[in-house]
């Protein structure tokens, strides 16, 4: 099947805009550290060997088994909790650690195409080939968002032949990257972990689950929002309590894009200072976005 080139979004890192986005991701510090470490180990081919020589000169068989060079990373969990923002911005801190330029690529929203026979498989293959052709020898990260569209479990009753074929091709392309030792890491993002094919999950060198923030993370988000504003710790505690008293927890994007942004708009419209009190007022009025029920289709 003859296809026109896909419109992959390509970014060269380090990049100031993505550095700012990465720094704005508060409350998920462990996920940031785990993802960055995994990518460093993947791209710094001799890093683990240097570590072993320093601490385990005689070698440890288990280390060689578990720290394999799989290019696949899987991010799953709730909407609005930082998965996509982290995947799209991680290349900038990675580039700084590697002291090298890193290219990132993102799949287009129409990756599935028009539903023609064989089109999905052809577009997946084309996407990987374009990334290989455009990386120019530099370390590259290929981000596949909304992976439910490409990696749905082949065991699901409603899985169409085209979907099964697409998963087969996706697995084949990931395996080819590992076999060829291509300098390309693949980050797959999904809101529904249980819908992803087990063969895809098994290939992941790292799986990170993103959940809605607890009270400590909520406090960190508001501290970031209130940077430059004077407030008492006791008033911040009351704001956090308003948020945690909700039946459904807020997502990170609820806190920043809904409560934080709306509070700024109200402070402006009422010509009053922006601070904890107006955030608390908006938080009381705002209902958290609905939870995603991640259940496997039988």
C-alpha atoms as a PDB file:
ATOM      1  CA  UNK A   1       0.000   0.000   0.000  1.00  0.00           C
ATOM      2  CA  UNK A   2       1.441   3.340  -1.143  1.00  0.00           C
ATOM      3  CA  UNK A   3       1.105   6.004   1.556  1.00  0.00           C
ATOM      4  CA  UNK A   4       1.984   9.665   1.823  1.00  0.00           C
ATOM      5  CA  UNK A   5       4.496  10.514   4.589  1.00  0.00           C
ATOM      6  CA  UNK A   6       2.930  10.828   8.032  1.00  0.00           C
ATOM      7  CA  UNK A   7       2.927  14.194   9.780  1.00  0.00           C
ATOM      8  CA  UNK A   8       5.048  13.229  12.764  1.00  0.00           C
ATOM      9  CA  UNK A   9       5.726  16.082  15.171  1.00  0.00           C
ATOM     10  CA  UNK A  10       9.503  16.388  15.466  1.00  0.00           C
ATOM     11  CA  UNK A  11      11.358  18.392  18.141  1.00  0.00           C
ATOM     12  CA  UNK A  12      15.069  18.834  18.727  1.00  0.00           C
ATOM     13  CA  UNK A  13      16.096  18.870  22.410  1.00  0.00           C
ATOM     14  CA  UNK A  14      17.187  20.522  24.633  1.00  0.00           C
ATOM     15  CA  UNK A  15      14.328  22.926  24.055  1.00  0.00           C
ATOM     16  CA  UNK A  16      13.384  25.852  26.323  1.00  0.00           C
ATOM     17  CA  UNK A  17       9.632  25.370  25.958  1.00  0.00           C
ATOM     18  CA  UNK A  18       9.820  21.708  26.926  1.00  0.00           C
ATOM     19  CA  UNK A  19      12.251  22.420  29.742  1.00  0.00           C
ATOM     20  CA  UNK A  20       9.608  24.735  31.241  1.00  0.00           C
ATOM     21  CA  UNK A  21       6.915  22.081  30.778  1.00  0.00           C
ATOM     22  CA  UNK A  22       9.110  19.462  32.469  1.00  0.00           C
ATOM     23  CA  UNK A  23       9.835  21.736  35.427  1.00  0.00           C
ATOM     24  CA  UNK A  24       6.122  22.485  35.834  1.00  0.00           C
ATOM     25  CA  UNK A  25       5.387  18.793  36.416  1.00  0.00           C
ATOM     26  CA  UNK A  26       5.279  18.685  40.224  1.00  0.00           C
ATOM     27  CA  UNK A  27       4.059  15.863  42.426  1.00  0.00           C
ATOM     28  CA  UNK A  28       5.384  13.109  40.134  1.00  0.00           C
ATOM     29  CA  UNK A  29       9.066  13.397  41.015  1.00  0.00           C
ATOM     30  CA  UNK A  30       9.603   9.633  41.331  1.00  0.00           C
ATOM     31  CA  UNK A  31       8.103   8.989  37.899  1.00  0.00           C
ATOM     32  CA  UNK A  32      10.332  11.698  36.427  1.00  0.00           C
ATOM     33  CA  UNK A  33      13.404  10.152  38.031  1.00  0.00           C
ATOM     34  CA  UNK A  34      12.524   6.583  37.002  1.00  0.00           C
ATOM     35  CA  UNK A  35      11.843   7.547  33.387  1.00  0.00           C
ATOM     36  CA  UNK A  36      15.001   9.626  33.087  1.00  0.00           C
ATOM     37  CA  UNK A  37      17.153   6.877  34.634  1.00  0.00           C
ATOM     38  CA  UNK A  38      15.699   4.216  32.318  1.00  0.00           C
ATOM     39  CA  UNK A  39      16.368   6.360  29.253  1.00  0.00           C
ATOM     40  CA  UNK A  40      19.901   7.171  30.418  1.00  0.00           C
ATOM     41  CA  UNK A  41      20.665   3.475  30.820  1.00  0.00           C
ATOM     42  CA  UNK A  42      19.262   2.823  27.353  1.00  0.00           C
ATOM     43  CA  UNK A  43      21.237   5.532  25.578  1.00  0.00           C
ATOM     44  CA  UNK A  44      24.430   5.441  27.658  1.00  0.00           C
ATOM     45  CA  UNK A  45      25.523   2.018  26.489  1.00  0.00           C
ATOM     46  CA  UNK A  46      28.494   1.763  28.840  1.00  0.00           C
ATOM     47  CA  UNK A  47      26.925   3.358  31.936  1.00  0.00           C
ATOM     48  CA  UNK A  48      25.821   0.093  33.532  1.00  0.00           C
ATOM     49  CA  UNK A  49      29.213  -1.500  32.745  1.00  0.00           C
ATOM     50  CA  UNK A  50      31.007   1.333  34.553  1.00  0.00           C
ATOM     51  CA  UNK A  51      28.647   0.940  37.521  1.00  0.00           C
ATOM     52  CA  UNK A  52      29.282  -2.823  37.654  1.00  0.00           C
ATOM     53  CA  UNK A  53      33.051  -2.325  37.547  1.00  0.00           C
ATOM     54  CA  UNK A  54      32.864   0.129  40.454  1.00  0.00           C
ATOM     55  CA  UNK A  55      30.636  -1.960  42.687  1.00  0.00           C
ATOM     56  CA  UNK A  56      30.601  -5.561  41.367  1.00  0.00           C
ATOM     57  CA  UNK A  57      33.853  -6.228  39.542  1.00  0.00           C
ATOM     58  CA  UNK A  58      33.180  -9.978  39.400  1.00  0.00           C
ATOM     59  CA  UNK A  59      29.819  -9.392  37.768  1.00  0.00           C
ATOM     60  CA  UNK A  60      26.230 -10.231  38.716  1.00  0.00           C
ATOM     61  CA  UNK A  61      24.242 -12.418  36.332  1.00  0.00           C
ATOM     62  CA  UNK A  62      20.900 -11.069  37.514  1.00  0.00           C
ATOM     63  CA  UNK A  63      21.857  -7.486  36.617  1.00  0.00           C
ATOM     64  CA  UNK A  64      22.537  -8.503  33.013  1.00  0.00           C
ATOM     65  CA  UNK A  65      19.173 -10.259  32.824  1.00  0.00           C
ATOM     66  CA  UNK A  66      16.947  -7.494  34.192  1.00  0.00           C
ATOM     67  CA  UNK A  67      18.699  -4.453  32.737  1.00  0.00           C
ATOM     68  CA  UNK A  68      18.146  -5.511  29.142  1.00  0.00           C
ATOM     69  CA  UNK A  69      18.102  -2.953  26.369  1.00  0.00           C
ATOM     70  CA  UNK A  70      14.414  -3.086  25.477  1.00  0.00           C
ATOM     71  CA  UNK A  71      13.503   0.173  23.750  1.00  0.00           C
ATOM     72  CA  UNK A  72       9.904   0.169  25.032  1.00  0.00           C
ATOM     73  CA  UNK A  73       8.500   2.159  27.978  1.00  0.00           C
ATOM     74  CA  UNK A  74       4.820   2.091  28.959  1.00  0.00           C
ATOM     75  CA  UNK A  75       3.047   4.960  30.729  1.00  0.00           C
ATOM     76  CA  UNK A  76      -0.512   4.282  31.885  1.00  0.00           C
ATOM     77  CA  UNK A  77      -3.152   5.720  34.170  1.00  0.00           C
ATOM     78  CA  UNK A  78      -5.569   8.553  34.707  1.00  0.00           C
ATOM     79  CA  UNK A  79      -6.191  11.395  32.277  1.00  0.00           C
ATOM     80  CA  UNK A  80      -4.686  14.713  33.351  1.00  0.00           C
ATOM     81  CA  UNK A  81      -1.978  13.212  35.564  1.00  0.00           C
ATOM     82  CA  UNK A  82       1.092  14.072  33.501  1.00  0.00           C
ATOM     83  CA  UNK A  83       1.715  11.068  31.232  1.00  0.00           C
ATOM     84  CA  UNK A  84       1.779  12.885  27.906  1.00  0.00           C
ATOM     85  CA  UNK A  85       3.418  16.029  29.278  1.00  0.00           C
ATOM     86  CA  UNK A  86       6.242  13.968  30.786  1.00  0.00           C
ATOM     87  CA  UNK A  87       6.720  11.817  27.678  1.00  0.00           C
ATOM     88  CA  UNK A  88       6.893  14.887  25.436  1.00  0.00           C
ATOM     89  CA  UNK A  89       9.264  16.874  27.660  1.00  0.00           C
ATOM     90  CA  UNK A  90      11.626  14.184  29.024  1.00  0.00           C
ATOM     91  CA  UNK A  91      13.954  14.512  26.018  1.00  0.00           C
ATOM     92  CA  UNK A  92      15.211  17.902  27.227  1.00  0.00           C
ATOM     93  CA  UNK A  93      16.593  16.795  30.638  1.00  0.00           C
ATOM     94  CA  UNK A  94      17.813  13.629  28.898  1.00  0.00           C
ATOM     95  CA  UNK A  95      19.716  15.674  26.311  1.00  0.00           C
ATOM     96  CA  UNK A  96      21.345  17.686  29.082  1.00  0.00           C
ATOM     97  CA  UNK A  97      22.385  14.516  30.936  1.00  0.00           C
ATOM     98  CA  UNK A  98      23.763  12.968  27.754  1.00  0.00           C
ATOM     99  CA  UNK A  99      25.341  16.272  26.681  1.00  0.00           C
ATOM    100  CA  UNK A 100      23.967  15.565  23.219  1.00  0.00           C
ATOM    101  CA  UNK A 101      21.026  16.533  21.058  1.00  0.00           C
ATOM    102  CA  UNK A 102      17.975  14.260  21.280  1.00  0.00           C
ATOM    103  CA  UNK A 103      15.193  14.165  18.693  1.00  0.00           C
ATOM    104  CA  UNK A 104      11.632  13.408  19.773  1.00  0.00           C
ATOM    105  CA  UNK A 105       8.817  12.305  17.482  1.00  0.00           C
ATOM    106  CA  UNK A 106       5.088  12.126  18.204  1.00  0.00           C
ATOM    107  CA  UNK A 107       2.462  10.166  16.281  1.00  0.00           C
ATOM    108  CA  UNK A 108      -0.245  12.190  14.520  1.00  0.00           C
ATOM    109  CA  UNK A 109      -3.841  12.048  15.757  1.00  0.00           C
ATOM    110  CA  UNK A 110      -4.889  10.251  12.554  1.00  0.00           C
ATOM    111  CA  UNK A 111      -2.357   7.421  12.910  1.00  0.00           C
ATOM    112  CA  UNK A 112      -5.062   4.797  12.246  1.00  0.00           C
ATOM    113  CA  UNK A 113      -5.917   6.290   8.867  1.00  0.00           C
ATOM    114  CA  UNK A 114      -9.269   5.826   7.137  1.00  0.00           C
ATOM    115  CA  UNK A 115      -9.910   2.206   8.031  1.00  0.00           C
ATOM    116  CA  UNK A 116      -8.935   0.692   4.672  1.00  0.00           C
ATOM    117  CA  UNK A 117      -7.724  -2.906   4.543  1.00  0.00           C
ATOM    118  CA  UNK A 118      -4.060  -3.076   5.527  1.00  0.00           C
ATOM    119  CA  UNK A 119      -3.839   0.672   6.157  1.00  0.00           C
ATOM    120  CA  UNK A 120      -3.246   0.535   9.918  1.00  0.00           C
ATOM    121  CA  UNK A 121      -0.336  -1.895   9.613  1.00  0.00           C
ATOM    122  CA  UNK A 122       1.154   0.104   6.757  1.00  0.00           C
ATOM    123  CA  UNK A 123       0.937   3.369   8.707  1.00  0.00           C
ATOM    124  CA  UNK A 124       2.575   1.855  11.792  1.00  0.00           C
ATOM    125  CA  UNK A 125       5.422   0.534   9.662  1.00  0.00           C
ATOM    126  CA  UNK A 126       5.759   3.889   7.895  1.00  0.00           C
ATOM    127  CA  UNK A 127       5.867   5.759  11.222  1.00  0.00           C
ATOM    128  CA  UNK A 128       8.786   3.670  12.489  1.00  0.00           C
ATOM    129  CA  UNK A 129      10.626   3.947   9.167  1.00  0.00           C
ATOM    130  CA  UNK A 130      10.221   7.736   9.169  1.00  0.00           C
ATOM    131  CA  UNK A 131      11.636   7.993  12.688  1.00  0.00           C
ATOM    132  CA  UNK A 132      14.634   5.866  11.679  1.00  0.00           C
ATOM    133  CA  UNK A 133      15.193   7.974   8.578  1.00  0.00           C
ATOM    134  CA  UNK A 134      14.843  11.324  10.360  1.00  0.00           C
ATOM    135  CA  UNK A 135      16.838  10.681  13.529  1.00  0.00           C
ATOM    136  CA  UNK A 136      20.096  11.495  11.711  1.00  0.00           C
ATOM    137  CA  UNK A 137      22.141   9.264  13.976  1.00  0.00           C
ATOM    138  CA  UNK A 138      21.071  11.159  17.098  1.00  0.00           C
ATOM    139  CA  UNK A 139      19.371   9.571  20.130  1.00  0.00           C
ATOM    140  CA  UNK A 140      15.627   9.625  19.494  1.00  0.00           C
ATOM    141  CA  UNK A 141      12.404   9.118  21.453  1.00  0.00           C
ATOM    142  CA  UNK A 142       9.282   8.014  19.608  1.00  0.00           C
ATOM    143  CA  UNK A 143       6.102   8.864  21.575  1.00  0.00           C
ATOM    144  CA  UNK A 144       2.950   6.910  20.716  1.00  0.00           C
ATOM    145  CA  UNK A 145       0.016   8.553  22.506  1.00  0.00           C
ATOM    146  CA  UNK A 146      -3.448   7.011  22.918  1.00  0.00           C
ATOM    147  CA  UNK A 147      -1.922   3.590  22.358  1.00  0.00           C
ATOM    148  CA  UNK A 148      -5.332   1.976  22.911  1.00  0.00           C
ATOM    149  CA  UNK A 149      -5.791   2.645  19.169  1.00  0.00           C
ATOM    150  CA  UNK A 150      -2.713   0.630  18.178  1.00  0.00           C
ATOM    151  CA  UNK A 151      -1.933  -1.927  20.880  1.00  0.00           C
ATOM    152  CA  UNK A 152      -5.334  -3.256  21.930  1.00  0.00           C
ATOM    153  CA  UNK A 153      -5.161  -6.824  23.176  1.00  0.00           C
ATOM    154  CA  UNK A 154      -5.622  -9.344  20.376  1.00  0.00           C
ATOM    155  CA  UNK A 155      -7.604 -11.549  22.792  1.00  0.00           C
ATOM    156  CA  UNK A 156     -10.478  -9.124  23.098  1.00  0.00           C
ATOM    157  CA  UNK A 157     -13.628 -10.496  21.504  1.00  0.00           C
ATOM    158  CA  UNK A 158     -14.357  -7.363  19.492  1.00  0.00           C
ATOM    159  CA  UNK A 159     -10.816  -6.966  18.163  1.00  0.00           C
ATOM    160  CA  UNK A 160     -11.054  -6.582  14.392  1.00  0.00           C
ATOM    161  CA  UNK A 161      -8.643  -8.370  12.062  1.00  0.00           C
ATOM    162  CA  UNK A 162      -7.060  -5.008  11.194  1.00  0.00           C
ATOM    163  CA  UNK A 163      -6.454  -4.279  14.881  1.00  0.00           C
ATOM    164  CA  UNK A 164      -4.822  -7.674  15.423  1.00  0.00           C
ATOM    165  CA  UNK A 165      -2.624  -7.150  12.385  1.00  0.00           C
ATOM    166  CA  UNK A 166      -1.699  -3.678  13.651  1.00  0.00           C
ATOM    167  CA  UNK A 167      -0.586  -5.063  17.018  1.00  0.00           C
ATOM    168  CA  UNK A 168       1.500  -7.715  15.266  1.00  0.00           C
ATOM    169  CA  UNK A 169       3.256  -5.039  13.214  1.00  0.00           C
ATOM    170  CA  UNK A 170       3.797  -2.815  16.262  1.00  0.00           C
ATOM    171  CA  UNK A 171       5.463  -5.699  18.124  1.00  0.00           C
ATOM    172  CA  UNK A 172       7.551  -6.534  15.057  1.00  0.00           C
ATOM    173  CA  UNK A 173       8.807  -2.945  14.761  1.00  0.00           C
ATOM    174  CA  UNK A 174       9.660  -2.735  18.478  1.00  0.00           C
ATOM    175  CA  UNK A 175      11.555  -6.035  18.270  1.00  0.00           C
ATOM    176  CA  UNK A 176      13.410  -4.778  15.201  1.00  0.00           C
ATOM    177  CA  UNK A 177      14.629  -1.704  17.096  1.00  0.00           C
ATOM    178  CA  UNK A 178      16.043  -3.944  19.821  1.00  0.00           C
ATOM    179  CA  UNK A 179      17.581  -6.399  17.357  1.00  0.00           C
ATOM    180  CA  UNK A 180      19.178  -3.648  15.284  1.00  0.00           C
ATOM    181  CA  UNK A 181      20.311  -1.787  18.421  1.00  0.00           C
ATOM    182  CA  UNK A 182      18.739   1.332  17.006  1.00  0.00           C
ATOM    183  CA  UNK A 183      19.282   4.450  19.073  1.00  0.00           C
ATOM    184  CA  UNK A 184      15.504   4.904  19.451  1.00  0.00           C
ATOM    185  CA  UNK A 185      13.390   4.542  22.596  1.00  0.00           C
ATOM    186  CA  UNK A 186       9.614   4.108  22.257  1.00  0.00           C
ATOM    187  CA  UNK A 187       7.224   5.537  24.861  1.00  0.00           C
ATOM    188  CA  UNK A 188       3.678   4.200  24.639  1.00  0.00           C
ATOM    189  CA  UNK A 189       0.940   6.084  26.518  1.00  0.00           C
ATOM    190  CA  UNK A 190      -2.453   4.662  27.441  1.00  0.00           C
ATOM    191  CA  UNK A 191      -5.355   5.553  29.708  1.00  0.00           C
ATOM    192  CA  UNK A 192      -6.453   1.904  29.808  1.00  0.00           C
ATOM    193  CA  UNK A 193      -3.593  -0.382  30.784  1.00  0.00           C
ATOM    194  CA  UNK A 194      -5.758  -3.517  30.774  1.00  0.00           C
ATOM    195  CA  UNK A 195      -6.650  -3.008  27.119  1.00  0.00           C
ATOM    196  CA  UNK A 196      -3.007  -3.246  26.009  1.00  0.00           C
ATOM    197  CA  UNK A 197      -1.866  -6.535  24.488  1.00  0.00           C
ATOM    198  CA  UNK A 198       0.129  -8.651  26.981  1.00  0.00           C
ATOM    199  CA  UNK A 199       2.926  -9.139  24.447  1.00  0.00           C
ATOM    200  CA  UNK A 200       3.412  -5.366  24.323  1.00  0.00           C
ATOM    201  CA  UNK A 201       3.385  -5.124  28.121  1.00  0.00           C
ATOM    202  CA  UNK A 202       5.984  -7.910  28.456  1.00  0.00           C
ATOM    203  CA  UNK A 203       8.392  -6.014  26.225  1.00  0.00           C
ATOM    204  CA  UNK A 204       8.377  -2.864  28.346  1.00  0.00           C
ATOM    205  CA  UNK A 205      11.603  -2.172  30.233  1.00  0.00           C
ATOM    206  CA  UNK A 206       9.666   0.245  32.454  1.00  0.00           C
ATOM    207  CA  UNK A 207       5.983   0.544  33.329  1.00  0.00           C
ATOM    208  CA  UNK A 208       4.795   3.645  35.166  1.00  0.00           C
ATOM    209  CA  UNK A 209       1.251   4.024  36.438  1.00  0.00           C
ATOM    210  CA  UNK A 210      -0.001   7.587  36.901  1.00  0.00           C
ATOM    211  CA  UNK A 211      -2.609   8.210  39.605  1.00  0.00           C
ATOM    212  CA  UNK A 212      -4.435  11.256  40.891  1.00  0.00           C
ATOM    213  CA  UNK A 213      -2.467  13.281  43.456  1.00  0.00           C
ATOM    214  CA  UNK A 214      -2.653  12.610  47.190  1.00  0.00           C
ATOM    215  CA  UNK A 215      -2.611  15.391  49.780  1.00  0.00           C
ATOM    216  CA  UNK A 216       1.187  15.776  49.686  1.00  0.00           C
ATOM    217  CA  UNK A 217       1.211  16.065  45.899  1.00  0.00           C
ATOM    218  CA  UNK A 218      -1.730  18.485  45.950  1.00  0.00           C
ATOM    219  CA  UNK A 219       0.228  20.668  48.373  1.00  0.00           C
ATOM    220  CA  UNK A 220       3.229  20.635  46.006  1.00  0.00           C
ATOM    221  CA  UNK A 221       1.030  21.626  43.063  1.00  0.00           C
ATOM    222  CA  UNK A 222      -0.439  24.575  44.962  1.00  0.00           C
ATOM    223  CA  UNK A 223       2.981  25.657  46.208  1.00  0.00           C
ATOM    224  CA  UNK A 224       4.023  25.837  42.575  1.00  0.00           C
ATOM    225  CA  UNK A 225       0.859  27.755  41.640  1.00  0.00           C
ATOM    226  CA  UNK A 226       1.403  30.166  44.554  1.00  0.00           C
ATOM    227  CA  UNK A 227       5.058  30.822  43.783  1.00  0.00           C
ATOM    228  CA  UNK A 228       5.597  34.529  44.466  1.00  0.00           C
ATOM    229  CA  UNK A 229       2.464  34.836  46.632  1.00  0.00           C
ATOM    230  CA  UNK A 230       2.627  35.210  50.422  1.00  0.00           C
ATOM    231  CA  UNK A 231       0.504  32.785  52.436  1.00  0.00           C
ATOM    232  CA  UNK A 232       0.404  30.969  55.776  1.00  0.00           C
ATOM    233  CA  UNK A 233       0.949  27.215  55.923  1.00  0.00           C
ATOM    234  CA  UNK A 234      -2.301  26.858  57.868  1.00  0.00           C
ATOM    235  CA  UNK A 235      -4.307  28.450  55.053  1.00  0.00           C
ATOM    236  CA  UNK A 236      -2.622  26.184  52.512  1.00  0.00           C
ATOM    237  CA  UNK A 237      -3.582  23.175  54.674  1.00  0.00           C
ATOM    238  CA  UNK A 238      -7.227  24.304  54.522  1.00  0.00           C
ATOM    239  CA  UNK A 239      -7.045  24.562  50.737  1.00  0.00           C
ATOM    240  CA  UNK A 240      -5.623  21.043  50.497  1.00  0.00           C
ATOM    241  CA  UNK A 241      -8.387  19.758  52.775  1.00  0.00           C
ATOM    242  CA  UNK A 242     -11.072  21.271  50.532  1.00  0.00           C
ATOM    243  CA  UNK A 243      -9.596  19.286  47.657  1.00  0.00           C
ATOM    244  CA  UNK A 244      -9.181  16.006  49.523  1.00  0.00           C
ATOM    245  CA  UNK A 245     -12.713  16.173  50.951  1.00  0.00           C
ATOM    246  CA  UNK A 246     -14.158  15.594  47.478  1.00  0.00           C
ATOM    247  CA  UNK A 247     -15.602  12.116  46.837  1.00  0.00           C
ATOM    248  CA  UNK A 248     -13.515  11.823  43.671  1.00  0.00           C
ATOM    249  CA  UNK A 249      -9.918  13.105  43.803  1.00  0.00           C
ATOM    250  CA  UNK A 250      -8.827  15.937  41.550  1.00  0.00           C
ATOM    251  CA  UNK A 251      -6.414  15.221  38.706  1.00  0.00           C
ATOM    252  CA  UNK A 252      -3.275  17.311  38.257  1.00  0.00           C
ATOM    253  CA  UNK A 253      -4.860  19.108  35.302  1.00  0.00           C
ATOM    254  CA  UNK A 254      -7.953  19.806  37.434  1.00  0.00           C
ATOM    255  CA  UNK A 255      -5.745  21.601  39.952  1.00  0.00           C
ATOM    256  CA  UNK A 256      -3.794  23.655  37.430  1.00  0.00           C
ATOM    257  CA  UNK A 257      -5.984  24.110  34.367  1.00  0.00           C
ATOM    258  CA  UNK A 258      -9.355  24.338  36.099  1.00  0.00           C
ATOM    259  CA  UNK A 259      -8.894  25.565  39.680  1.00  0.00           C
ATOM    260  CA  UNK A 260      -5.692  27.538  39.200  1.00  0.00           C
ATOM    261  CA  UNK A 261      -6.637  29.163  35.905  1.00  0.00           C
ATOM    262  CA  UNK A 262     -10.196  29.940  37.011  1.00  0.00           C
ATOM    263  CA  UNK A 263      -8.869  31.505  40.217  1.00  0.00           C
ATOM    264  CA  UNK A 264      -6.627  33.827  38.208  1.00  0.00           C
ATOM    265  CA  UNK A 265      -9.542  34.834  35.992  1.00  0.00           C
ATOM    266  CA  UNK A 266     -11.789  35.537  38.975  1.00  0.00           C
ATOM    267  CA  UNK A 267      -9.104  37.533  40.778  1.00  0.00           C
ATOM    268  CA  UNK A 268      -8.694  39.630  37.635  1.00  0.00           C
ATOM    269  CA  UNK A 269     -12.417  40.125  37.016  1.00  0.00           C
ATOM    270  CA  UNK A 270     -13.015  41.136  40.657  1.00  0.00           C
ATOM    271  CA  UNK A 271      -9.831  43.219  40.818  1.00  0.00           C
ATOM    272  CA  UNK A 272      -8.558  41.398  43.917  1.00  0.00           C
ATOM    273  CA  UNK A 273      -5.284  39.672  44.796  1.00  0.00           C
ATOM    274  CA  UNK A 274      -4.616  36.123  43.634  1.00  0.00           C
ATOM    275  CA  UNK A 275      -3.964  33.767  46.540  1.00  0.00           C
ATOM    276  CA  UNK A 276      -5.063  30.875  48.731  1.00  0.00           C
ATOM    277  CA  UNK A 277      -8.522  32.225  49.537  1.00  0.00           C
ATOM    278  CA  UNK A 278      -9.637  32.592  45.948  1.00  0.00           C
ATOM    279  CA  UNK A 279      -8.159  29.178  45.106  1.00  0.00           C
ATOM    280  CA  UNK A 280     -10.148  27.697  47.984  1.00  0.00           C
ATOM    281  CA  UNK A 281     -13.303  29.418  46.740  1.00  0.00           C
ATOM    282  CA  UNK A 282     -12.883  27.951  43.248  1.00  0.00           C
ATOM    283  CA  UNK A 283     -11.933  24.499  44.615  1.00  0.00           C
ATOM    284  CA  UNK A 284     -15.186  24.342  46.594  1.00  0.00           C
ATOM    285  CA  UNK A 285     -17.188  25.124  43.452  1.00  0.00           C
ATOM    286  CA  UNK A 286     -15.315  22.740  41.147  1.00  0.00           C
ATOM    287  CA  UNK A 287     -16.127  19.060  40.749  1.00  0.00           C
ATOM    288  CA  UNK A 288     -13.239  16.734  39.840  1.00  0.00           C
ATOM    289  CA  UNK A 289     -13.187  15.272  36.346  1.00  0.00           C
ATOM    290  CA  UNK A 290     -14.685  11.742  36.178  1.00  0.00           C
ATOM    291  CA  UNK A 291     -12.432   8.780  36.893  1.00  0.00           C
ATOM    292  CA  UNK A 292     -11.538   6.375  34.120  1.00  0.00           C
ATOM    293  CA  UNK A 293     -12.786   2.876  34.898  1.00  0.00           C
ATOM    294  CA  UNK A 294     -10.029   0.635  33.567  1.00  0.00           C
ATOM    295  CA  UNK A 295     -11.660  -2.753  33.210  1.00  0.00           C
ATOM    296  CA  UNK A 296     -10.717  -5.420  30.706  1.00  0.00           C
ATOM    297  CA  UNK A 297     -13.365  -6.168  28.126  1.00  0.00           C
ATOM    298  CA  UNK A 298     -14.395  -9.799  28.256  1.00  0.00           C
END
